[in-house]
């Protein structure tokens, strides 16, 4: 299993995910964007808690947000200022995200997070609702859950020696409200965009993947 999540567009309001005959959407035409091991922050801006429905797979029930596209676009506009305040250097990423959602020719938006859920079902079940709720609550606890489901570490305050060394920490800085994803120990670059809006799958996207 690749541990990916998918943002899906559709003509119907069914939850997205696997079933007895495979996944219930067309990955070649209906996947708007993908993500690995996490749920990007901007994806969740399309939903509220009431949109989280159970997707039944055998004996399991997987949280699966689904909403009407028109409602999602309204929420997108209402939440724009809040997102840009919380992620102060994300305007370019957000504008590309808005364009993707505005131009998407679908009646519904959905998340298929089955593979990410499968990594730790209990943790996912406990963190997704508060992560979605942050867009209306503004709660610090809910924001921490939002960062967690997006696999964004929170940067801890550093002492004098840490600042003197000057290494760029990776994650979200509460003081500056900025997101920095530095290179890992193997020298591979992480991508801010992947944690905010995901990456291209089959359909063209209005951003350049890093």
Protein backbone atom coordinates (compact mmCIF):
# COMPACT_ATOMS: atom_id res chain seq x y z
CA UNK A 1 0.00 0.00 0.00
CA UNK A 2 1.37 3.42 -1.00
CA UNK A 3 -0.12 5.34 1.97
CA UNK A 4 -1.57 8.05 -0.26
CA UNK A 5 -4.64 10.24 0.12
CA UNK A 6 -6.63 11.63 -2.78
CA UNK A 7 -8.81 14.69 -3.29
CA UNK A 8 -11.61 13.51 -5.55
CA UNK A 9 -14.16 15.35 -7.68
CA UNK A 10 -17.41 13.63 -8.58
CA UNK A 11 -20.92 13.93 -9.97
CA UNK A 12 -22.40 12.06 -6.97
CA UNK A 13 -22.42 12.53 -3.21
CA UNK A 14 -21.28 9.05 -2.20
CA UNK A 15 -18.22 8.73 0.00
CA UNK A 16 -15.00 7.92 -1.85
CA UNK A 17 -12.96 4.80 -1.21
CA UNK A 18 -12.55 1.09 -1.81
CA UNK A 19 -15.36 -1.42 -1.99
CA UNK A 20 -15.97 -5.00 -3.07
CA UNK A 21 -15.21 -4.12 -6.70
CA UNK A 22 -12.30 -1.74 -6.09
CA UNK A 23 -12.39 2.02 -5.61
CA UNK A 24 -15.70 3.67 -6.46
CA UNK A 25 -14.34 6.50 -8.61
CA UNK A 26 -12.21 6.82 -11.74
CA UNK A 27 -8.60 7.64 -10.75
CA UNK A 28 -7.78 8.76 -14.28
CA UNK A 29 -10.39 11.51 -14.41
CA UNK A 30 -11.65 12.25 -10.89
CA UNK A 31 -8.52 12.64 -8.75
CA UNK A 32 -7.75 16.36 -8.42
CA UNK A 33 -4.59 15.98 -6.31
CA UNK A 34 -2.68 13.46 -4.24
CA UNK A 35 -0.70 13.44 -0.99
CA UNK A 36 1.61 10.95 0.72
CA UNK A 37 1.06 9.82 4.35
CA UNK A 38 -0.87 12.99 5.24
CA UNK A 39 -3.91 15.16 4.51
CA UNK A 40 -2.89 18.61 3.20
CA UNK A 41 -4.16 21.62 5.14
CA UNK A 42 -6.04 23.26 2.28
CA UNK A 43 -8.00 20.11 1.43
CA UNK A 44 -9.77 20.29 4.76
CA UNK A 45 -10.81 23.91 4.14
CA UNK A 46 -13.53 22.53 1.83
CA UNK A 47 -15.41 20.75 4.61
CA UNK A 48 -17.03 21.16 7.99
CA UNK A 49 -17.59 18.45 10.59
CA UNK A 50 -21.06 17.58 9.30
CA UNK A 51 -19.47 16.56 5.98
CA UNK A 52 -17.51 13.69 7.56
CA UNK A 53 -19.41 10.52 6.66
CA UNK A 54 -18.61 6.86 7.37
CA UNK A 55 -17.28 4.89 4.42
CA UNK A 56 -17.94 1.20 5.06
CA UNK A 57 -15.30 -1.32 3.98
CA UNK A 58 -16.05 -4.83 5.21
CA UNK A 59 -16.31 -4.47 9.00
CA UNK A 60 -14.52 -1.08 9.07
CA UNK A 61 -15.92 2.45 9.07
CA UNK A 62 -13.53 5.04 7.65
CA UNK A 63 -14.11 8.80 8.08
CA UNK A 64 -14.68 10.18 4.58
CA UNK A 65 -15.54 13.86 4.04
CA UNK A 66 -17.82 14.68 1.10
CA UNK A 67 -19.61 17.93 0.26
CA UNK A 68 -21.31 19.81 -2.56
CA UNK A 69 -18.85 21.80 -4.64
CA UNK A 70 -20.90 25.00 -4.39
CA UNK A 71 -20.82 24.85 -0.59
CA UNK A 72 -17.10 24.08 -0.62
CA UNK A 73 -16.37 27.11 -2.79
CA UNK A 74 -18.33 29.33 -0.40
CA UNK A 75 -16.35 27.99 2.56
CA UNK A 76 -13.14 28.56 0.62
CA UNK A 77 -13.88 32.28 0.29
CA UNK A 78 -15.03 32.61 3.91
CA UNK A 79 -11.87 30.96 5.20
CA UNK A 80 -9.33 32.67 2.96
CA UNK A 81 -8.35 35.41 5.42
CA UNK A 82 -8.06 32.95 8.30
CA UNK A 83 -5.77 30.63 6.33
CA UNK A 84 -3.53 33.44 5.12
CA UNK A 85 -3.26 34.77 8.67
CA UNK A 86 -2.34 31.34 10.05
CA UNK A 87 0.13 30.59 7.22
CA UNK A 88 1.54 34.02 6.55
CA UNK A 89 3.69 33.20 3.51
CA UNK A 90 1.25 30.88 1.74
CA UNK A 91 -0.58 33.35 -0.53
CA UNK A 92 0.87 31.95 -3.77
CA UNK A 93 0.01 28.40 -2.73
CA UNK A 94 -3.49 29.46 -1.70
CA UNK A 95 -4.19 31.28 -4.96
CA UNK A 96 -3.19 28.18 -6.93
CA UNK A 97 -5.43 26.08 -4.68
CA UNK A 98 -8.37 28.46 -5.19
CA UNK A 99 -7.93 28.21 -8.93
CA UNK A 100 -7.94 24.40 -8.80
CA UNK A 101 -11.20 24.30 -6.85
CA UNK A 102 -12.88 27.13 -8.75
CA UNK A 103 -12.18 25.55 -12.14
CA UNK A 104 -12.86 21.92 -11.17
CA UNK A 105 -15.87 20.65 -13.21
CA UNK A 106 -17.47 18.61 -10.44
CA UNK A 107 -20.62 18.78 -8.31
CA UNK A 108 -18.99 17.21 -5.23
CA UNK A 109 -15.59 17.13 -3.56
CA UNK A 110 -14.46 14.14 -1.49
CA UNK A 111 -11.48 12.72 0.34
CA UNK A 112 -10.29 9.16 -0.03
CA UNK A 113 -7.91 8.85 2.89
CA UNK A 114 -8.23 5.08 3.29
CA UNK A 115 -4.50 4.38 2.99
CA UNK A 116 -3.58 7.12 5.47
CA UNK A 117 -6.33 5.95 7.85
CA UNK A 118 -4.88 2.44 7.65
CA UNK A 119 -1.54 3.64 9.08
CA UNK A 120 -3.21 4.29 12.45
CA UNK A 121 -7.02 4.07 12.39
CA UNK A 122 -7.57 5.24 15.98
CA UNK A 123 -5.30 8.24 15.62
CA UNK A 124 -6.85 9.25 12.30
CA UNK A 125 -10.36 8.87 13.70
CA UNK A 126 -9.50 11.09 16.67
CA UNK A 127 -7.66 13.80 14.74
CA UNK A 128 -9.66 14.36 11.54
CA UNK A 129 -12.81 15.93 13.11
CA UNK A 130 -10.91 18.53 15.19
CA UNK A 131 -8.63 19.25 12.23
CA UNK A 132 -11.70 20.12 10.15
CA UNK A 133 -13.28 21.95 13.08
CA UNK A 134 -10.36 24.40 13.39
CA UNK A 135 -11.62 26.38 10.38
CA UNK A 136 -14.67 27.38 12.43
CA UNK A 137 -13.37 27.11 16.02
CA UNK A 138 -9.94 28.71 15.77
CA UNK A 139 -8.96 26.57 18.76
CA UNK A 140 -5.25 26.03 19.47
CA UNK A 141 -5.94 22.36 20.21
CA UNK A 142 -7.80 21.93 16.91
CA UNK A 143 -4.97 23.70 15.06
CA UNK A 144 -2.49 21.25 16.56
CA UNK A 145 -4.59 18.40 15.16
CA UNK A 146 -4.69 20.11 11.74
CA UNK A 147 -0.90 20.30 11.69
CA UNK A 148 -0.68 16.68 12.81
CA UNK A 149 -2.89 15.25 10.06
CA UNK A 150 -0.88 17.32 7.55
CA UNK A 151 2.37 15.86 8.96
CA UNK A 152 3.64 19.31 9.88
CA UNK A 153 5.77 19.37 13.05
CA UNK A 154 5.49 22.37 15.34
CA UNK A 155 8.85 24.08 15.80
CA UNK A 156 9.82 24.36 19.44
CA UNK A 157 11.36 27.60 20.73
CA UNK A 158 15.14 27.44 20.55
CA UNK A 159 17.65 28.75 23.06
CA UNK A 160 20.60 30.99 22.31
CA UNK A 161 22.86 28.15 21.17
CA UNK A 162 20.23 26.79 18.79
CA UNK A 163 19.76 30.19 17.19
CA UNK A 164 23.53 30.67 17.02
CA UNK A 165 24.07 27.42 15.12
CA UNK A 166 21.61 28.73 12.58
CA UNK A 167 20.23 25.49 11.16
CA UNK A 168 16.78 26.01 9.66
CA UNK A 169 14.24 23.98 11.64
CA UNK A 170 11.53 22.17 9.72
CA UNK A 171 7.89 22.74 10.49
CA UNK A 172 5.45 25.43 11.62
CA UNK A 173 6.72 28.41 13.61
CA UNK A 174 3.99 29.71 15.93
CA UNK A 175 5.82 33.00 16.46
CA UNK A 176 6.12 33.95 12.80
CA UNK A 177 3.21 31.84 11.50
CA UNK A 178 5.42 30.47 8.75
CA UNK A 179 5.92 26.97 7.40
CA UNK A 180 9.39 25.78 6.46
CA UNK A 181 10.12 22.26 5.27
CA UNK A 182 13.89 21.79 5.31
CA UNK A 183 15.97 19.01 3.80
CA UNK A 184 15.97 15.73 5.67
CA UNK A 185 19.02 13.86 6.92
CA UNK A 186 19.56 12.32 3.49
CA UNK A 187 19.56 15.74 1.83
CA UNK A 188 16.14 15.30 0.23
CA UNK A 189 13.96 18.40 0.08
CA UNK A 190 10.46 18.34 1.52
CA UNK A 191 7.85 20.59 -0.04
CA UNK A 192 5.71 23.25 1.62
CA UNK A 193 3.22 22.87 -1.22
CA UNK A 194 2.77 19.16 -0.61
CA UNK A 195 1.67 19.86 2.97
CA UNK A 196 -0.65 22.68 1.93
CA UNK A 197 -2.33 21.56 -1.32
CA UNK A 198 -0.82 18.18 -2.23
CA UNK A 199 0.69 17.29 -5.59
CA UNK A 200 -0.50 16.64 -9.13
CA UNK A 201 -1.86 13.22 -10.01
CA UNK A 202 -3.28 12.80 -13.52
CA UNK A 203 -5.11 16.08 -14.03
CA UNK A 204 -3.16 19.28 -14.57
CA UNK A 205 -2.84 21.54 -11.51
CA UNK A 206 -2.22 25.31 -11.36
CA UNK A 207 1.05 24.97 -9.47
CA UNK A 208 4.46 23.53 -10.18
CA UNK A 209 5.30 20.59 -7.95
CA UNK A 210 8.60 21.00 -6.16
